[in-house]
Protein backbone atom coordinates (compact mmCIF):
# COMPACT_ATOMS: atom_id res chain seq x y z
CA ALA A 1 16.22 11.41 -11.80
CA GLY A 2 16.19 12.60 -15.40
CA SER A 3 12.56 13.72 -15.25
CA ILE A 4 13.17 15.52 -11.95
CA HIS A 5 16.19 17.25 -13.48
CA ASP A 6 14.17 18.33 -16.55
CA ARG A 7 10.86 19.30 -14.95
CA GLY A 8 11.67 19.73 -11.27
CA LEU A 9 9.96 17.98 -8.38
CA MET A 10 6.28 17.68 -9.35
CA TYR A 11 5.10 16.23 -6.02
CA ARG A 12 6.44 17.12 -2.60
CA LEU A 13 7.73 14.40 -0.33
CA LEU A 14 5.39 13.48 2.51
CA VAL A 15 6.84 13.39 6.02
CA VAL A 16 5.15 12.79 9.36
CA GLY A 17 6.42 14.33 12.60
CA LEU A 18 5.62 11.94 15.46
CA ASP A 19 6.10 12.18 19.19
CA GLU A 20 8.10 9.39 20.84
CA GLU A 21 5.11 7.22 21.76
CA ASN A 22 3.58 7.27 18.28
CA CYS A 23 6.93 6.93 16.55
CA ARG A 24 7.82 3.89 18.65
CA ALA A 25 4.44 2.29 17.85
CA PHE A 26 4.85 3.11 14.13
CA ILE A 27 8.32 1.51 14.04
CA GLU A 28 7.16 -1.59 15.91
CA THR A 29 4.26 -2.06 13.50
CA HIS A 30 6.46 -1.45 10.46
CA ASN A 31 9.11 -3.91 11.70
CA ARG A 32 6.57 -6.62 12.46
CA ASP A 33 4.76 -6.39 9.16
CA TRP A 34 7.74 -5.79 6.87
CA LYS A 35 10.22 -8.02 8.72
CA LYS A 36 12.56 -5.08 9.41
CA ASN A 37 14.61 -4.17 12.46
CA TYR A 38 14.53 -0.37 12.67
CA GLN A 39 15.08 1.21 16.09
CA LEU A 40 13.97 4.51 17.54
CA ALA A 41 17.66 5.20 18.19
CA ASN A 42 18.21 5.23 14.40
CA LEU A 43 16.27 8.52 14.24
CA THR A 44 17.49 11.91 15.38
CA PRO A 45 14.67 13.88 17.04
CA ALA A 46 14.21 17.62 16.77
CA TYR A 47 12.83 19.98 19.41
CA VAL A 48 9.66 21.42 17.86
CA ARG A 49 6.78 23.29 19.46
CA GLY A 50 7.77 22.40 22.99
CA GLY A 51 8.45 18.68 22.43
CA MET A 52 10.72 16.15 20.75
CA ILE A 53 9.56 15.18 17.28
CA TYR A 54 10.78 12.26 15.15
CA TYR A 55 10.49 12.67 11.38
CA VAL A 56 9.58 9.71 9.16
CA LEU A 57 9.45 9.79 5.36
CA ILE A 58 6.11 8.32 4.28
CA ASP A 59 6.06 8.96 0.54
CA GLY A 60 8.84 9.82 -1.91
CA GLU A 61 11.84 7.68 -1.01
CA ARG A 62 12.89 7.23 -4.64
CA ARG A 63 12.52 10.94 -5.36
CA PHE A 64 14.49 11.70 -2.20
CA ARG A 65 17.34 9.37 -3.17
CA SER A 66 17.41 10.70 -6.73
CA MET A 67 17.65 14.31 -5.60
CA ARG A 68 20.16 13.63 -2.83
CA ASP A 69 22.45 11.02 -4.42
CA ILE A 70 22.25 11.80 -8.14
CA LEU A 71 21.33 15.47 -8.41
CA HIS A 72 23.10 16.41 -5.13
CA VAL A 73 20.25 18.63 -3.94
CA ASN A 74 20.54 19.57 -0.26
CA LYS A 75 17.09 21.12 0.29
CA ILE A 76 14.09 19.08 -0.87
CA PRO A 77 10.49 20.38 -0.64
CA CYS A 78 8.22 18.29 1.54
CA SER A 79 4.88 18.44 3.31
CA VAL A 80 4.87 17.59 7.02
CA ALA A 81 1.97 16.28 9.10
CA TYR A 82 2.63 16.81 12.81
CA ASN A 83 1.50 14.83 15.83
CA ILE A 84 -0.86 12.40 14.16
CA PRO A 85 -1.63 8.99 15.71
CA PHE A 86 0.61 6.24 14.39
CA ARG A 87 -2.46 4.50 12.91
CA GLU A 88 -3.01 7.52 10.68
CA ALA A 89 0.66 7.47 9.69
CA ILE A 90 0.27 3.85 8.57
CA LYS A 91 -2.81 4.76 6.54
CA LEU A 92 -0.97 7.66 4.94
CA GLN A 93 1.89 5.37 3.99
CA PHE A 94 -0.40 3.01 2.11
CA GLN A 95 -2.49 5.78 0.61
CA ALA A 96 0.71 7.22 -0.82
CA ASN A 97 1.59 3.87 -2.38
CA LEU A 98 -1.84 3.59 -4.00
CA HIS A 99 -2.30 7.16 -5.26
CA VAL A 100 -1.00 6.22 -8.72
CA GLU A 101 -2.58 3.60 -10.95
CA VAL A 102 -1.07 0.16 -10.54
CA PRO A 103 -2.11 -3.19 -12.05
CA PRO A 104 -5.30 -4.41 -10.36
CA ASP A 105 -3.68 -7.55 -8.95
CA GLU A 106 -0.92 -5.48 -7.31
CA GLU A 107 -3.49 -3.10 -5.84
CA ALA A 108 -5.43 -6.11 -4.57
CA GLN A 109 -2.37 -7.50 -2.82
CA ALA A 110 -1.68 -4.15 -1.16
CA LEU A 111 -5.28 -3.77 0.03
CA ASN A 112 -5.35 -7.38 1.21
CA TYR A 113 -2.22 -6.70 3.25
CA VAL A 114 -3.32 -3.47 4.90
CA TRP A 115 -6.99 -4.37 5.61
CA PRO A 116 -6.26 -6.88 8.43
CA LEU A 117 -3.57 -4.55 9.75
CA ILE A 118 -6.01 -1.63 10.05
CA LYS A 119 -8.69 -3.97 11.39
CA ALA A 120 -6.33 -5.17 14.12
CA LEU A 121 -5.47 -1.60 15.08
CA GLU A 122 -9.08 -0.40 14.89
CA PRO A 123 -11.50 -3.34 15.37
CA GLY A 124 -14.51 -1.12 14.77
CA HIS A 125 -13.27 0.07 11.36
CA THR A 126 -15.70 -1.09 8.67
CA LEU A 127 -14.97 -2.15 5.12
CA GLU A 128 -16.93 0.90 3.95
CA GLN A 129 -14.64 3.20 5.97
CA PHE A 130 -11.56 1.34 4.75
CA ALA A 131 -12.63 1.71 1.13
CA ARG A 132 -13.23 5.43 1.69
CA ASP A 133 -9.78 5.78 3.30
CA PHE A 134 -8.21 4.76 0.00
CA GLY A 135 -10.70 6.39 -2.37
CA ARG A 136 -12.05 3.05 -3.58
CA SER A 137 -15.57 1.70 -3.84
CA GLN A 138 -16.61 -1.09 -1.48
CA GLU A 139 -17.11 -3.42 -4.44
CA ARG A 140 -13.60 -2.72 -5.70
CA VAL A 141 -12.16 -3.57 -2.30
CA ARG A 142 -14.31 -6.69 -1.97
CA ARG A 143 -13.12 -7.81 -5.40
CA ALA A 144 -9.52 -7.22 -4.36
CA LEU A 145 -9.90 -9.29 -1.19
CA ARG A 146 -11.70 -11.99 -3.18
CA PHE A 147 -8.84 -12.11 -5.69
CA CYS A 148 -6.37 -12.75 -2.88
CA ARG A 149 -8.37 -15.78 -1.73
CA LEU A 150 -7.71 -17.48 -5.06
CA PRO A 151 -5.05 -20.22 -5.15
CA GLN A 152 -1.61 -18.60 -5.34
CA ASP A 153 -0.75 -20.08 -8.73
CA ILE A 154 -3.84 -18.44 -10.27
CA GLN A 155 -2.86 -15.09 -8.73
CA ASP A 156 0.68 -15.54 -10.06
CA ALA A 157 -0.62 -16.24 -13.57
CA ILE A 158 -2.42 -12.87 -13.57
CA THR A 159 0.70 -11.06 -12.33
CA GLU A 160 2.78 -12.70 -15.05
CA THR A 161 0.45 -11.44 -17.81
CA LYS A 162 2.42 -8.73 -19.59
CA GLU A 163 -0.19 -7.02 -21.76
CA THR A 164 -2.07 -4.45 -19.65
CA LYS A 165 -5.57 -4.80 -21.15
CA SER A 166 -5.41 -8.58 -21.03
CA ARG A 167 -4.20 -8.48 -17.44
CA LYS A 168 -7.12 -6.28 -16.37
CA THR A 169 -9.63 -8.46 -18.24
CA LYS A 170 -8.30 -11.69 -16.76
CA TYR A 171 -8.26 -10.15 -13.30
CA ALA A 172 -11.94 -9.18 -13.58
CA LEU A 173 -12.89 -12.63 -14.88
CA VAL A 174 -11.08 -14.63 -12.20
CA CYS A 175 -12.59 -12.37 -9.51
CA GLU A 176 -16.07 -13.19 -10.83
CA LEU A 177 -15.08 -16.85 -10.94
CA MET A 178 -14.06 -16.67 -7.29
CA ARG A 179 -17.35 -14.99 -6.44
CA ALA A 180 -19.22 -17.89 -8.04
CA TYR A 181 -16.95 -20.44 -6.34
CA GLU A 182 -17.71 -18.98 -2.92
CA ALA A 183 -21.44 -18.65 -3.63
CA ILE A 184 -22.03 -22.07 -5.21
CA SER A 185 -19.18 -24.01 -3.57
CA PHE A 186 -18.18 -26.12 -6.57
CA GLY A 187 -14.95 -28.06 -6.19
CA GLU A 188 -11.44 -26.60 -6.37
CA ASP A 189 -10.71 -28.80 -9.42
CA GLN A 190 -13.54 -27.06 -11.23
CA LEU A 191 -12.23 -23.70 -10.04
CA ARG A 192 -8.80 -24.46 -11.45
CA GLY A 193 -10.23 -25.82 -14.68
CA ARG A 194 -12.36 -22.75 -15.30
CA ALA A 195 -9.46 -20.48 -14.34
CA THR A 196 -7.27 -22.28 -16.90
CA ASN A 197 -9.84 -21.52 -19.61
CA ILE A 198 -9.70 -17.82 -18.64
CA LEU A 199 -5.94 -17.61 -18.34
CA TYR A 200 -4.86 -19.63 -21.36
């Protein structure tokens, strides 16, 4: 809130305006994947361009809460995308969450979550298209998915690494280790042993 107060809102909030069918599908998908229980009745539609539109905040919840609850701003600039398919709204939501740099293991977990979701919604969607959706190379996405196939305790050890450079280096090394493990099929005990040498 302090930075917004000092410099103003640097990035507009992103809102999508959905018709009832797409909004209902968006909410159902969001509830299923995030274990929530939102209802269409929780939203108040507006009559826009000859139809009822439901507005959903896709990016900027923290900025919205800071301006509304702390700075008491009543009018907040936002960009609105109207009448897009709910699949595109889901993509926008994740693109918004990945537009700033995050630790590679956290990015990997986000991509690993959304890839099967998009694939289920659009079976013909390729990994190349998916990578392009999020402005990533195919190899970067493959590495992310590979990281998430590592045993959970190895993933957790990367996440618990505090120093940024070391975290990135260890992430890259365990991803290459997983590549070798899948190509050569050495035992999991060897995988864990070699990961221990990287991590500690």
